[in-house]
Amino acid sequence: MVILKRQTGGLEPRRQGDRGGYRKLACLRNWIAVRMTAKPDLTLDDRVLETANAHQINVERVSVWRALRSLGLTHKKDLQAIGQKQPEVRQARYI
């Protein structure tokens, strides 16, 4: 704390983090949104590979996830099997 007081003249905490923005993928936001609508069944890992191959950049899985989340496009698989969604199966389970 003494060092901080000497350097800044106060004890105000410094801003933490890299200020968001997802720098590598910021310019690809529209492309990512279009790809989500074009191929909605791809997994997150597939999206990472697709982004890296299409734009020749190294991109981390979490960066793609953050970009999707910032677009409001959470990509979650449904936990129920397709068979369980059929009306007769659903009705039989809840009798």
Protein backbone atom coordinates (compact mmCIF):
# COMPACT_ATOMS: atom_id res chain seq x y z
CA MET A 1 0.00 0.00 0.00
CA VAL A 2 2.91 2.30 0.67
CA ILE A 3 4.19 1.76 -2.87
CA LEU A 4 0.76 2.54 -4.31
CA LYS A 5 0.54 5.72 -2.23
CA ARG A 6 3.99 6.81 -3.49
CA GLN A 7 3.20 6.04 -7.13
CA THR A 8 -0.29 7.51 -7.32
CA GLY A 9 -0.56 9.81 -4.35
CA GLY A 10 -3.59 7.92 -3.05
CA LEU A 11 -4.93 4.52 -2.17
CA GLU A 12 -7.49 4.27 -4.94
CA PRO A 13 -7.58 0.72 -6.33
CA ARG A 14 -6.50 0.32 -9.94
CA ARG A 15 -8.96 -0.89 -12.54
CA GLN A 16 -8.84 -4.66 -12.91
CA GLY A 17 -9.17 -6.82 -15.99
CA ASP A 18 -8.51 -6.09 -19.63
CA ARG A 19 -11.61 -3.86 -19.98
CA GLY A 20 -13.56 -6.47 -21.95
CA GLY A 21 -14.37 -5.98 -25.59
CA TYR A 22 -12.97 -9.35 -26.62
CA ARG A 23 -10.45 -7.65 -28.85
CA LYS A 24 -9.75 -10.44 -31.31
CA LEU A 25 -13.40 -11.17 -31.94
CA ALA A 26 -14.79 -7.63 -31.70
CA CYS A 27 -14.59 -7.15 -35.46
CA LEU A 28 -16.15 -10.59 -36.06
CA ARG A 29 -19.34 -10.08 -34.06
CA ASN A 30 -21.57 -9.82 -37.13
CA TRP A 31 -19.87 -12.81 -38.75
CA ILE A 32 -20.40 -14.89 -35.62
CA ALA A 33 -24.08 -13.92 -35.46
CA VAL A 34 -24.58 -14.88 -39.11
CA ARG A 35 -22.81 -18.21 -38.59
CA MET A 36 -25.01 -18.96 -35.58
CA THR A 37 -28.14 -18.58 -37.69
CA ALA A 38 -26.63 -20.46 -40.65
CA LYS A 39 -25.42 -23.44 -38.59
CA PRO A 40 -27.23 -23.50 -35.24
CA ASP A 41 -26.34 -27.12 -34.46
CA LEU A 42 -22.55 -26.66 -34.20
CA THR A 43 -20.93 -27.12 -30.82
CA LEU A 44 -18.78 -24.46 -29.22
CA ASP A 45 -15.62 -26.39 -30.13
CA ASP A 46 -16.76 -26.52 -33.76
CA ARG A 47 -17.33 -22.77 -33.70
CA VAL A 48 -13.82 -22.20 -32.36
CA LEU A 49 -12.33 -24.26 -35.19
CA GLU A 50 -14.52 -22.59 -37.78
CA THR A 51 -13.55 -19.11 -36.57
CA ALA A 52 -9.85 -19.97 -36.44
CA ASN A 53 -9.86 -21.52 -39.93
CA ALA A 54 -11.95 -18.83 -41.57
CA HIS A 55 -9.90 -15.92 -40.23
CA GLN A 56 -6.47 -17.50 -39.66
CA ILE A 57 -6.30 -16.48 -35.99
CA ASN A 58 -5.68 -18.39 -32.79
CA VAL A 59 -8.80 -18.09 -30.71
CA GLU A 60 -9.63 -19.59 -27.34
CA ARG A 61 -12.86 -21.39 -26.56
CA VAL A 62 -13.76 -18.93 -23.82
CA SER A 63 -13.35 -15.98 -26.21
CA VAL A 64 -15.90 -17.44 -28.60
CA TRP A 65 -18.22 -18.19 -25.69
CA ARG A 66 -17.93 -14.59 -24.43
CA ALA A 67 -18.62 -13.24 -27.91
CA LEU A 68 -21.73 -15.44 -28.17
CA ARG A 69 -22.88 -14.40 -24.73
CA SER A 70 -22.37 -10.70 -25.52
CA LEU A 71 -24.60 -11.15 -28.56
CA GLY A 72 -27.24 -12.78 -26.39
CA LEU A 73 -26.74 -16.05 -28.28
CA THR A 74 -26.14 -18.59 -25.57
CA HIS A 75 -25.75 -21.93 -27.26
CA LYS A 76 -27.07 -24.62 -24.95
CA LYS A 77 -27.97 -28.11 -25.95
CA ASP A 78 -31.31 -29.40 -24.73
CA LEU A 79 -30.95 -31.91 -21.91
CA GLN A 80 -34.08 -33.85 -22.83
CA ALA A 81 -33.88 -36.57 -25.42
CA ILE A 82 -35.96 -35.98 -28.53
CA GLY A 83 -38.12 -38.97 -27.68
CA GLN A 84 -39.08 -37.43 -24.36
CA LYS A 85 -40.52 -34.40 -26.13
CA GLN A 86 -43.12 -36.43 -28.00
CA PRO A 87 -46.61 -35.80 -26.58
CA GLU A 88 -47.43 -39.45 -25.90
CA VAL A 89 -44.15 -40.02 -24.06
CA ARG A 90 -44.53 -36.82 -22.07
CA GLN A 91 -48.08 -37.74 -21.09
CA ALA A 92 -47.08 -41.28 -20.07
CA ARG A 93 -44.32 -39.96 -17.81
CA TYR A 94 -46.56 -37.56 -15.89
CA ILE A 95 -49.51 -39.84 -15.22
